[in-house]
Amino acid sequence: MGLDLVELVMRFEEEFETEIPDQIASTLLTPKDVIDYLTTKSEPGNKGMTRESVAQKVWLIIEDEIGIDISKYNENSRFIDDMHIDHKDYLL
């Protein structure tokens, strides 16, 4: 996982007040994967949140972290292949 993707996962952890284990983080390839994972967690940062509100928060984090235009975003876009996160980073 490249540095940009690691930072994005860290931001999800911070904003949703949870920890995402490395073995789980490596399977989160799309925003939908992140949303589905966070929706199943019962953590203070997402307690009582609907899937829609989790999805909105995930979008805002992605927009802030990588600056992608919402017209080019959908939940099934792959972080590396479609959003080009880490395309210049060394793999860890």
PDB file of N, CA and C in Angstrom:
ATOM      1  N   MET A   1       0.850  -1.161   0.000  1.00  0.00           N
ATOM      2  CA  MET A   1       0.000   0.000   0.000  1.00  0.00           C
ATOM      3  C   MET A   1       0.902   1.232   0.000  1.00  0.00           C
ATOM      4  N   GLY A   2       0.651   2.169  -0.895  1.00  0.00           N
ATOM      5  CA  GLY A   2       1.464   3.362  -0.995  1.00  0.00           C
ATOM      6  C   GLY A   2       1.126   4.391   0.070  1.00  0.00           C
ATOM      7  N   LEU A   3       1.958   5.390   0.176  1.00  0.00           N
ATOM      8  CA  LEU A   3       1.832   6.400   1.216  1.00  0.00           C
ATOM      9  C   LEU A   3       0.496   7.145   1.160  1.00  0.00           C
ATOM     10  N   ASP A   4       0.038   7.541  -0.017  1.00  0.00           N
ATOM     11  CA  ASP A   4      -1.232   8.262  -0.118  1.00  0.00           C
ATOM     12  C   ASP A   4      -2.389   7.428   0.407  1.00  0.00           C
ATOM     13  N   LEU A   5      -2.382   6.150   0.085  1.00  0.00           N
ATOM     14  CA  LEU A   5      -3.458   5.270   0.535  1.00  0.00           C
ATOM     15  C   LEU A   5      -3.376   5.040   2.044  1.00  0.00           C
ATOM     16  N   VAL A   6      -2.174   4.925   2.576  1.00  0.00           N
ATOM     17  CA  VAL A   6      -1.993   4.788   4.023  1.00  0.00           C
ATOM     18  C   VAL A   6      -2.544   6.027   4.727  1.00  0.00           C
ATOM     19  N   GLU A   7      -2.228   7.203   4.204  1.00  0.00           N
ATOM     20  CA  GLU A   7      -2.732   8.442   4.804  1.00  0.00           C
ATOM     21  C   GLU A   7      -4.252   8.527   4.730  1.00  0.00           C
ATOM     22  N   LEU A   8      -4.834   8.053   3.641  1.00  0.00           N
ATOM     23  CA  LEU A   8      -6.282   8.056   3.501  1.00  0.00           C
ATOM     24  C   LEU A   8      -6.921   7.131   4.535  1.00  0.00           C
ATOM     25  N   VAL A   9      -6.359   5.954   4.719  1.00  0.00           N
ATOM     26  CA  VAL A   9      -6.869   5.014   5.729  1.00  0.00           C
ATOM     27  C   VAL A   9      -6.741   5.629   7.121  1.00  0.00           C
ATOM     28  N   MET A  10      -5.626   6.281   7.404  1.00  0.00           N
ATOM     29  CA  MET A  10      -5.437   6.934   8.700  1.00  0.00           C
ATOM     30  C   MET A  10      -6.492   8.018   8.923  1.00  0.00           C
ATOM     31  N   ARG A  11      -6.834   8.735   7.875  1.00  0.00           N
ATOM     32  CA  ARG A  11      -7.866   9.773   7.982  1.00  0.00           C
ATOM     33  C   ARG A  11      -9.229   9.143   8.268  1.00  0.00           C
ATOM     34  N   PHE A  12      -9.545   8.028   7.608  1.00  0.00           N
ATOM     35  CA  PHE A  12     -10.804   7.324   7.910  1.00  0.00           C
ATOM     36  C   PHE A  12     -10.822   6.906   9.377  1.00  0.00           C
ATOM     37  N   GLU A  13      -9.703   6.368   9.858  1.00  0.00           N
ATOM     38  CA  GLU A  13      -9.620   5.943  11.258  1.00  0.00           C
ATOM     39  C   GLU A  13      -9.867   7.114  12.204  1.00  0.00           C
ATOM     40  N   GLU A  14      -9.238   8.231  11.908  1.00  0.00           N
ATOM     41  CA  GLU A  14      -9.376   9.413  12.754  1.00  0.00           C
ATOM     42  C   GLU A  14     -10.811   9.935  12.744  1.00  0.00           C
ATOM     43  N   GLU A  15     -11.370  10.106  11.573  1.00  0.00           N
ATOM     44  CA  GLU A  15     -12.708  10.690  11.445  1.00  0.00           C
ATOM     45  C   GLU A  15     -13.811   9.788  11.995  1.00  0.00           C
ATOM     46  N   PHE A  16     -13.619   8.473  11.884  1.00  0.00           N
ATOM     47  CA  PHE A  16     -14.635   7.536  12.354  1.00  0.00           C
ATOM     48  C   PHE A  16     -14.285   6.931  13.713  1.00  0.00           C
ATOM     49  N   GLU A  17     -13.206   7.431  14.324  1.00  0.00           N
ATOM     50  CA  GLU A  17     -12.786   6.997  15.658  1.00  0.00           C
ATOM     51  C   GLU A  17     -12.720   5.472  15.747  1.00  0.00           C
ATOM     52  N   THR A  18     -11.983   4.884  14.834  1.00  0.00           N
ATOM     53  CA  THR A  18     -11.850   3.435  14.802  1.00  0.00           C
ATOM     54  C   THR A  18     -10.449   3.064  14.351  1.00  0.00           C
ATOM     55  N   GLU A  19     -10.128   1.811  14.456  1.00  0.00           N
ATOM     56  CA  GLU A  19      -8.862   1.306  13.931  1.00  0.00           C
ATOM     57  C   GLU A  19      -9.187   0.322  12.814  1.00  0.00           C
ATOM     58  N   ILE A  20      -8.492   0.469  11.703  1.00  0.00           N
ATOM     59  CA  ILE A  20      -8.657  -0.452  10.580  1.00  0.00           C
ATOM     60  C   ILE A  20      -7.372  -1.270  10.497  1.00  0.00           C
ATOM     61  N   PRO A  21      -7.446  -2.545  10.862  1.00  0.00           N
ATOM     62  CA  PRO A  21      -6.241  -3.389  10.826  1.00  0.00           C
ATOM     63  C   PRO A  21      -5.649  -3.443   9.420  1.00  0.00           C
ATOM     64  N   ASP A  22      -4.333  -3.581   9.345  1.00  0.00           N
ATOM     65  CA  ASP A  22      -3.641  -3.617   8.050  1.00  0.00           C
ATOM     66  C   ASP A  22      -4.210  -4.679   7.118  1.00  0.00           C
ATOM     67  N   GLN A  23      -4.534  -5.853   7.662  1.00  0.00           N
ATOM     68  CA  GLN A  23      -5.055  -6.919   6.806  1.00  0.00           C
ATOM     69  C   GLN A  23      -6.422  -6.554   6.232  1.00  0.00           C
ATOM     70  N   ILE A  24      -7.192  -5.743   6.918  1.00  0.00           N
ATOM     71  CA  ILE A  24      -8.478  -5.246   6.393  1.00  0.00           C
ATOM     72  C   ILE A  24      -8.221  -4.103   5.432  1.00  0.00           C
ATOM     73  N   ALA A  25      -7.359  -3.166   5.818  1.00  0.00           N
ATOM     74  CA  ALA A  25      -7.074  -1.991   4.979  1.00  0.00           C
ATOM     75  C   ALA A  25      -6.625  -2.401   3.585  1.00  0.00           C
ATOM     76  N   SER A  26      -5.864  -3.479   3.486  1.00  0.00           N
ATOM     77  CA  SER A  26      -5.363  -3.909   2.179  1.00  0.00           C
ATOM     78  C   SER A  26      -6.466  -4.454   1.280  1.00  0.00           C
ATOM     79  N   THR A  27      -7.637  -4.732   1.847  1.00  0.00           N
ATOM     80  CA  THR A  27      -8.762  -5.239   1.051  1.00  0.00           C
ATOM     81  C   THR A  27      -9.738  -4.129   0.661  1.00  0.00           C
ATOM     82  N   LEU A  28      -9.527  -2.932   1.164  1.00  0.00           N
ATOM     83  CA  LEU A  28     -10.433  -1.811   0.879  1.00  0.00           C
ATOM     84  C   LEU A  28      -9.975  -1.135  -0.413  1.00  0.00           C
ATOM     85  N   LEU A  29     -10.503  -1.594  -1.517  1.00  0.00           N
ATOM     86  CA  LEU A  29     -10.045  -1.147  -2.829  1.00  0.00           C
ATOM     87  C   LEU A  29     -10.883  -0.023  -3.426  1.00  0.00           C
ATOM     88  N   THR A  30     -12.099   0.168  -2.898  1.00  0.00           N
ATOM     89  CA  THR A  30     -13.016   1.181  -3.419  1.00  0.00           C
ATOM     90  C   THR A  30     -13.684   1.909  -2.256  1.00  0.00           C
ATOM     91  N   PRO A  31     -14.262   3.081  -2.521  1.00  0.00           N
ATOM     92  CA  PRO A  31     -15.029   3.745  -1.467  1.00  0.00           C
ATOM     93  C   PRO A  31     -16.152   2.846  -0.930  1.00  0.00           C
ATOM     94  N   LYS A  32     -16.787   2.061  -1.805  1.00  0.00           N
ATOM     95  CA  LYS A  32     -17.850   1.156  -1.366  1.00  0.00           C
ATOM     96  C   LYS A  32     -17.325   0.169  -0.326  1.00  0.00           C
ATOM     97  N   ASP A  33     -16.124  -0.354  -0.551  1.00  0.00           N
ATOM     98  CA  ASP A  33     -15.521  -1.265   0.430  1.00  0.00           C
ATOM     99  C   ASP A  33     -15.359  -0.576   1.777  1.00  0.00           C
ATOM    100  N   VAL A  34     -14.895   0.665   1.753  1.00  0.00           N
ATOM    101  CA  VAL A  34     -14.692   1.435   2.988  1.00  0.00           C
ATOM    102  C   VAL A  34     -16.035   1.686   3.672  1.00  0.00           C
ATOM    103  N   ILE A  35     -17.010   2.124   2.894  1.00  0.00           N
ATOM    104  CA  ILE A  35     -18.344   2.428   3.432  1.00  0.00           C
ATOM    105  C   ILE A  35     -18.962   1.181   4.056  1.00  0.00           C
ATOM    106  N   ASP A  36     -18.910   0.068   3.332  1.00  0.00           N
ATOM    107  CA  ASP A  36     -19.480  -1.178   3.852  1.00  0.00           C
ATOM    108  C   ASP A  36     -18.780  -1.612   5.136  1.00  0.00           C
ATOM    109  N   TYR A  37     -17.456  -1.498   5.154  1.00  0.00           N
ATOM    110  CA  TYR A  37     -16.702  -1.878   6.360  1.00  0.00           C
ATOM    111  C   TYR A  37     -17.077  -0.973   7.536  1.00  0.00           C
ATOM    112  N   LEU A  38     -17.056   0.339   7.315  1.00  0.00           N
ATOM    113  CA  LEU A  38     -17.341   1.264   8.405  1.00  0.00           C
ATOM    114  C   LEU A  38     -18.788   1.187   8.879  1.00  0.00           C
ATOM    115  N   THR A  39     -19.701   0.864   7.990  1.00  0.00           N
ATOM    116  CA  THR A  39     -21.107   0.744   8.357  1.00  0.00           C
ATOM    117  C   THR A  39     -21.328  -0.433   9.298  1.00  0.00           C
ATOM    118  N   THR A  40     -20.506  -1.471   9.177  1.00  0.00           N
ATOM    119  CA  THR A  40     -20.660  -2.646  10.037  1.00  0.00           C
ATOM    120  C   THR A  40     -19.992  -2.467  11.395  1.00  0.00           C
ATOM    121  N   LYS A  41     -19.128  -1.458  11.521  1.00  0.00           N
ATOM    122  CA  LYS A  41     -18.429  -1.217  12.780  1.00  0.00           C
ATOM    123  C   LYS A  41     -19.343  -0.463  13.748  1.00  0.00           C
ATOM    124  N   SER A  42     -19.237  -0.771  15.018  1.00  0.00           N
ATOM    125  CA  SER A  42     -19.982  -0.044  16.035  1.00  0.00           C
ATOM    126  C   SER A  42     -18.974   0.736  16.874  1.00  0.00           C
ATOM    127  N   GLU A  43     -18.546   1.850  16.327  1.00  0.00           N
ATOM    128  CA  GLU A  43     -17.538   2.689  16.965  1.00  0.00           C
ATOM    129  C   GLU A  43     -18.146   4.059  17.271  1.00  0.00           C
ATOM    130  N   PRO A  44     -17.568   4.800  18.212  1.00  0.00           N
ATOM    131  CA  PRO A  44     -18.109   6.123  18.545  1.00  0.00           C
ATOM    132  C   PRO A  44     -18.236   7.057  17.341  1.00  0.00           C
ATOM    133  N   GLY A  45     -17.315   6.970  16.412  1.00  0.00           N
ATOM    134  CA  GLY A  45     -17.306   7.890  15.281  1.00  0.00           C
ATOM    135  C   GLY A  45     -18.350   7.618  14.221  1.00  0.00           C
ATOM    136  N   ASN A  46     -19.013   6.474  14.284  1.00  0.00           N
ATOM    137  CA  ASN A  46     -20.058   6.194  13.307  1.00  0.00           C
ATOM    138  C   ASN A  46     -21.327   5.652  13.958  1.00  0.00           C
ATOM    139  N   LYS A  47     -21.384   5.718  15.268  1.00  0.00           N
ATOM    140  CA  LYS A  47     -22.534   5.203  16.004  1.00  0.00           C
ATOM    141  C   LYS A  47     -23.799   5.948  15.579  1.00  0.00           C
ATOM    142  N   GLY A  48     -24.777   5.198  15.190  1.00  0.00           N
ATOM    143  CA  GLY A  48     -26.050   5.780  14.793  1.00  0.00           C
ATOM    144  C   GLY A  48     -26.059   6.380  13.393  1.00  0.00           C
ATOM    145  N   MET A  49     -24.955   6.247  12.665  1.00  0.00           N
ATOM    146  CA  MET A  49     -24.903   6.802  11.318  1.00  0.00           C
ATOM    147  C   MET A  49     -25.532   5.824  10.330  1.00  0.00           C
ATOM    148  N   THR A  50     -26.288   6.359   9.407  1.00  0.00           N
ATOM    149  CA  THR A  50     -26.838   5.536   8.336  1.00  0.00           C
ATOM    150  C   THR A  50     -25.746   5.271   7.303  1.00  0.00           C
ATOM    151  N   ARG A  51     -26.016   4.326   6.416  1.00  0.00           N
ATOM    152  CA  ARG A  51     -25.064   4.066   5.344  1.00  0.00           C
ATOM    153  C   ARG A  51     -24.871   5.320   4.506  1.00  0.00           C
ATOM    154  N   GLU A  52     -25.945   6.041   4.275  1.00  0.00           N
ATOM    155  CA  GLU A  52     -25.874   7.272   3.481  1.00  0.00           C
ATOM    156  C   GLU A  52     -24.981   8.321   4.142  1.00  0.00           C
ATOM    157  N   SER A  53     -25.092   8.480   5.452  1.00  0.00           N
ATOM    158  CA  SER A  53     -24.259   9.473   6.131  1.00  0.00           C
ATOM    159  C   SER A  53     -22.795   9.038   6.190  1.00  0.00           C
ATOM    160  N   VAL A  54     -22.543   7.731   6.323  1.00  0.00           N
ATOM    161  CA  VAL A  54     -21.169   7.223   6.257  1.00  0.00           C
ATOM    162  C   VAL A  54     -20.603   7.493   4.864  1.00  0.00           C
ATOM    163  N   ALA A  55     -21.404   7.214   3.828  1.00  0.00           N
ATOM    164  CA  ALA A  55     -20.959   7.431   2.441  1.00  0.00           C
ATOM    165  C   ALA A  55     -20.632   8.906   2.203  1.00  0.00           C
ATOM    166  N   GLN A  56     -21.450   9.815   2.717  1.00  0.00           N
ATOM    167  CA  GLN A  56     -21.199  11.245   2.547  1.00  0.00           C
ATOM    168  C   GLN A  56     -19.902  11.658   3.234  1.00  0.00           C
ATOM    169  N   LYS A  57     -19.684  11.144   4.430  1.00  0.00           N
ATOM    170  CA  LYS A  57     -18.468  11.477   5.174  1.00  0.00           C
ATOM    171  C   LYS A  57     -17.234  10.909   4.464  1.00  0.00           C
ATOM    172  N   VAL A  58     -17.344   9.693   3.944  1.00  0.00           N
ATOM    173  CA  VAL A  58     -16.242   9.087   3.194  1.00  0.00           C
ATOM    174  C   VAL A  58     -15.924   9.940   1.971  1.00  0.00           C
ATOM    175  N   TRP A  59     -16.968  10.372   1.244  1.00  0.00           N
ATOM    176  CA  TRP A  59     -16.744  11.229   0.069  1.00  0.00           C
ATOM    177  C   TRP A  59     -16.001  12.499   0.467  1.00  0.00           C
ATOM    178  N   LEU A  60     -16.441  13.166   1.532  1.00  0.00           N
ATOM    179  CA  LEU A  60     -15.802  14.419   1.956  1.00  0.00           C
ATOM    180  C   LEU A  60     -14.333  14.206   2.332  1.00  0.00           C
ATOM    181  N   ILE A  61     -14.031  13.083   2.945  1.00  0.00           N
ATOM    182  CA  ILE A  61     -12.642  12.770   3.298  1.00  0.00           C
ATOM    183  C   ILE A  61     -11.816  12.561   2.031  1.00  0.00           C
ATOM    184  N   ILE A  62     -12.349  11.792   1.091  1.00  0.00           N
ATOM    185  CA  ILE A  62     -11.638  11.544  -0.169  1.00  0.00           C
ATOM    186  C   ILE A  62     -11.427  12.850  -0.923  1.00  0.00           C
ATOM    187  N   GLU A  63     -12.458  13.671  -0.983  1.00  0.00           N
ATOM    188  CA  GLU A  63     -12.341  14.962  -1.670  1.00  0.00           C
ATOM    189  C   GLU A  63     -11.258  15.816  -1.033  1.00  0.00           C
ATOM    190  N   ASP A  64     -11.237  15.858   0.291  1.00  0.00           N
ATOM    191  CA  ASP A  64     -10.250  16.661   1.009  1.00  0.00           C
ATOM    192  C   ASP A  64      -8.834  16.115   0.844  1.00  0.00           C
ATOM    193  N   GLU A  65      -8.693  14.808   0.915  1.00  0.00           N
ATOM    194  CA  GLU A  65      -7.364  14.192   0.860  1.00  0.00           C
ATOM    195  C   GLU A  65      -6.751  14.181  -0.536  1.00  0.00           C
ATOM    196  N   ILE A  66      -7.560  13.895  -1.556  1.00  0.00           N
ATOM    197  CA  ILE A  66      -6.970  13.752  -2.889  1.00  0.00           C
ATOM    198  C   ILE A  66      -7.495  14.751  -3.904  1.00  0.00           C
ATOM    199  N   GLY A  67      -8.520  15.522  -3.518  1.00  0.00           N
ATOM    200  CA  GLY A  67      -9.002  16.586  -4.394  1.00  0.00           C
ATOM    201  C   GLY A  67      -9.714  16.110  -5.648  1.00  0.00           C
ATOM    202  N   ILE A  68     -10.280  14.929  -5.620  1.00  0.00           N
ATOM    203  CA  ILE A  68     -10.984  14.418  -6.797  1.00  0.00           C
ATOM    204  C   ILE A  68     -12.316  15.144  -6.973  1.00  0.00           C
ATOM    205  N   ASP A  69     -12.669  15.441  -8.205  1.00  0.00           N
ATOM    206  CA  ASP A  69     -13.926  16.103  -8.538  1.00  0.00           C
ATOM    207  C   ASP A  69     -15.069  15.109  -8.369  1.00  0.00           C
ATOM    208  N   ILE A  70     -16.161  15.554  -7.770  1.00  0.00           N
ATOM    209  CA  ILE A  70     -17.290  14.655  -7.512  1.00  0.00           C
ATOM    210  C   ILE A  70     -17.864  14.067  -8.797  1.00  0.00           C
ATOM    211  N   SER A  71     -17.714  14.751  -9.911  1.00  0.00           N
ATOM    212  CA  SER A  71     -18.229  14.215 -11.170  1.00  0.00           C
ATOM    213  C   SER A  71     -17.442  12.989 -11.631  1.00  0.00           C
ATOM    214  N   LYS A  72     -16.257  12.792 -11.082  1.00  0.00           N
ATOM    215  CA  LYS A  72     -15.417  11.647 -11.443  1.00  0.00           C
ATOM    216  C   LYS A  72     -15.421  10.577 -10.347  1.00  0.00           C
ATOM    217  N   TYR A  73     -16.280  10.759  -9.360  1.00  0.00           N
ATOM    218  CA  TYR A  73     -16.320   9.867  -8.207  1.00  0.00           C
ATOM    219  C   TYR A  73     -17.558   8.984  -8.255  1.00  0.00           C
ATOM    220  N   ASN A  74     -17.373   7.731  -7.939  1.00  0.00           N
ATOM    221  CA  ASN A  74     -18.495   6.868  -7.592  1.00  0.00           C
ATOM    222  C   ASN A  74     -17.979   5.818  -6.633  1.00  0.00           C
ATOM    223  N   GLU A  75     -18.880   5.191  -5.925  1.00  0.00           N
ATOM    224  CA  GLU A  75     -18.475   4.262  -4.874  1.00  0.00           C
ATOM    225  C   GLU A  75     -17.689   3.066  -5.383  1.00  0.00           C
ATOM    226  N   ASN A  76     -17.812   2.750  -6.650  1.00  0.00           N
ATOM    227  CA  ASN A  76     -17.110   1.597  -7.194  1.00  0.00           C
ATOM    228  C   ASN A  76     -15.793   1.953  -7.869  1.00  0.00           C
ATOM    229  N   SER A  77     -15.430   3.229  -7.857  1.00  0.00           N
ATOM    230  CA  SER A  77     -14.135   3.641  -8.411  1.00  0.00           C
ATOM    231  C   SER A  77     -13.026   3.054  -7.548  1.00  0.00           C
ATOM    232  N   ARG A  78     -12.040   2.479  -8.192  1.00  0.00           N
ATOM    233  CA  ARG A  78     -10.915   1.898  -7.457  1.00  0.00           C
ATOM    234  C   ARG A  78      -9.922   3.002  -7.110  1.00  0.00           C
ATOM    235  N   PHE A  79      -9.440   2.978  -5.879  1.00  0.00           N
ATOM    236  CA  PHE A  79      -8.532   4.030  -5.412  1.00  0.00           C
ATOM    237  C   PHE A  79      -7.303   4.158  -6.296  1.00  0.00           C
ATOM    238  N   ILE A  80      -6.673   3.052  -6.623  1.00  0.00           N
ATOM    239  CA  ILE A  80      -5.420   3.111  -7.375  1.00  0.00           C
ATOM    240  C   ILE A  80      -5.670   3.233  -8.871  1.00  0.00           C
ATOM    241  N   ASP A  81      -6.473   2.352  -9.429  1.00  0.00           N
ATOM    242  CA  ASP A  81      -6.654   2.328 -10.884  1.00  0.00           C
ATOM    243  C   ASP A  81      -7.483   3.488 -11.425  1.00  0.00           C
ATOM    244  N   ASP A  82      -8.541   3.881 -10.719  1.00  0.00           N
ATOM    245  CA  ASP A  82      -9.441   4.917 -11.229  1.00  0.00           C
ATOM    246  C   ASP A  82      -9.147   6.312 -10.671  1.00  0.00           C
ATOM    247  N   MET A  83      -8.821   6.382  -9.380  1.00  0.00           N
ATOM    248  CA  MET A  83      -8.557   7.684  -8.753  1.00  0.00           C
ATOM    249  C   MET A  83      -7.087   8.042  -8.765  1.00  0.00           C
ATOM    250  N   HIS A  84      -6.263   7.095  -9.157  1.00  0.00           N
ATOM    251  CA  HIS A  84      -4.818   7.296  -9.302  1.00  0.00           C
ATOM    252  C   HIS A  84      -4.118   7.666  -8.001  1.00  0.00           C
ATOM    253  N   ILE A  85      -4.638   7.160  -6.900  1.00  0.00           N
ATOM    254  CA  ILE A  85      -3.941   7.309  -5.629  1.00  0.00           C
ATOM    255  C   ILE A  85      -2.723   6.397  -5.673  1.00  0.00           C
ATOM    256  N   ASP A  86      -1.602   6.901  -5.254  1.00  0.00           N
ATOM    257  CA  ASP A  86      -0.353   6.141  -5.155  1.00  0.00           C
ATOM    258  C   ASP A  86       0.301   5.849  -6.486  1.00  0.00           C
ATOM    259  N   HIS A  87      -0.136   6.437  -7.554  1.00  0.00           N
ATOM    260  CA  HIS A  87       0.461   6.095  -8.841  1.00  0.00           C
ATOM    261  C   HIS A  87       1.932   6.482  -8.936  1.00  0.00           C
ATOM    262  N   LYS A  88       2.397   7.363  -8.063  1.00  0.00           N
ATOM    263  CA  LYS A  88       3.815   7.739  -8.086  1.00  0.00           C
ATOM    264  C   LYS A  88       4.547   7.307  -6.818  1.00  0.00           C
ATOM    265  N   ASP A  89       3.813   6.753  -5.878  1.00  0.00           N
ATOM    266  CA  ASP A  89       4.434   6.375  -4.610  1.00  0.00           C
ATOM    267  C   ASP A  89       5.120   5.023  -4.710  1.00  0.00           C
ATOM    268  N   TYR A  90       6.106   4.844  -3.881  1.00  0.00           N
ATOM    269  CA  TYR A  90       6.723   3.528  -3.731  1.00  0.00           C
ATOM    270  C   TYR A  90       5.792   2.673  -2.882  1.00  0.00           C
ATOM    271  N   LEU A  91       5.755   1.404  -3.142  1.00  0.00           N
ATOM    272  CA  LEU A  91       4.957   0.515  -2.323  1.00  0.00           C
ATOM    273  C   LEU A  91       5.676   0.261  -1.018  1.00  0.00           C
ATOM    274  N   LEU A  92       4.912   0.200   0.036  1.00  0.00           N
ATOM    275  CA  LEU A  92       5.501  -0.047   1.358  1.00  0.00           C
ATOM    276  C   LEU A  92       5.770  -1.513   1.555  1.00  0.00           C
TER     277      LEU A  92
END
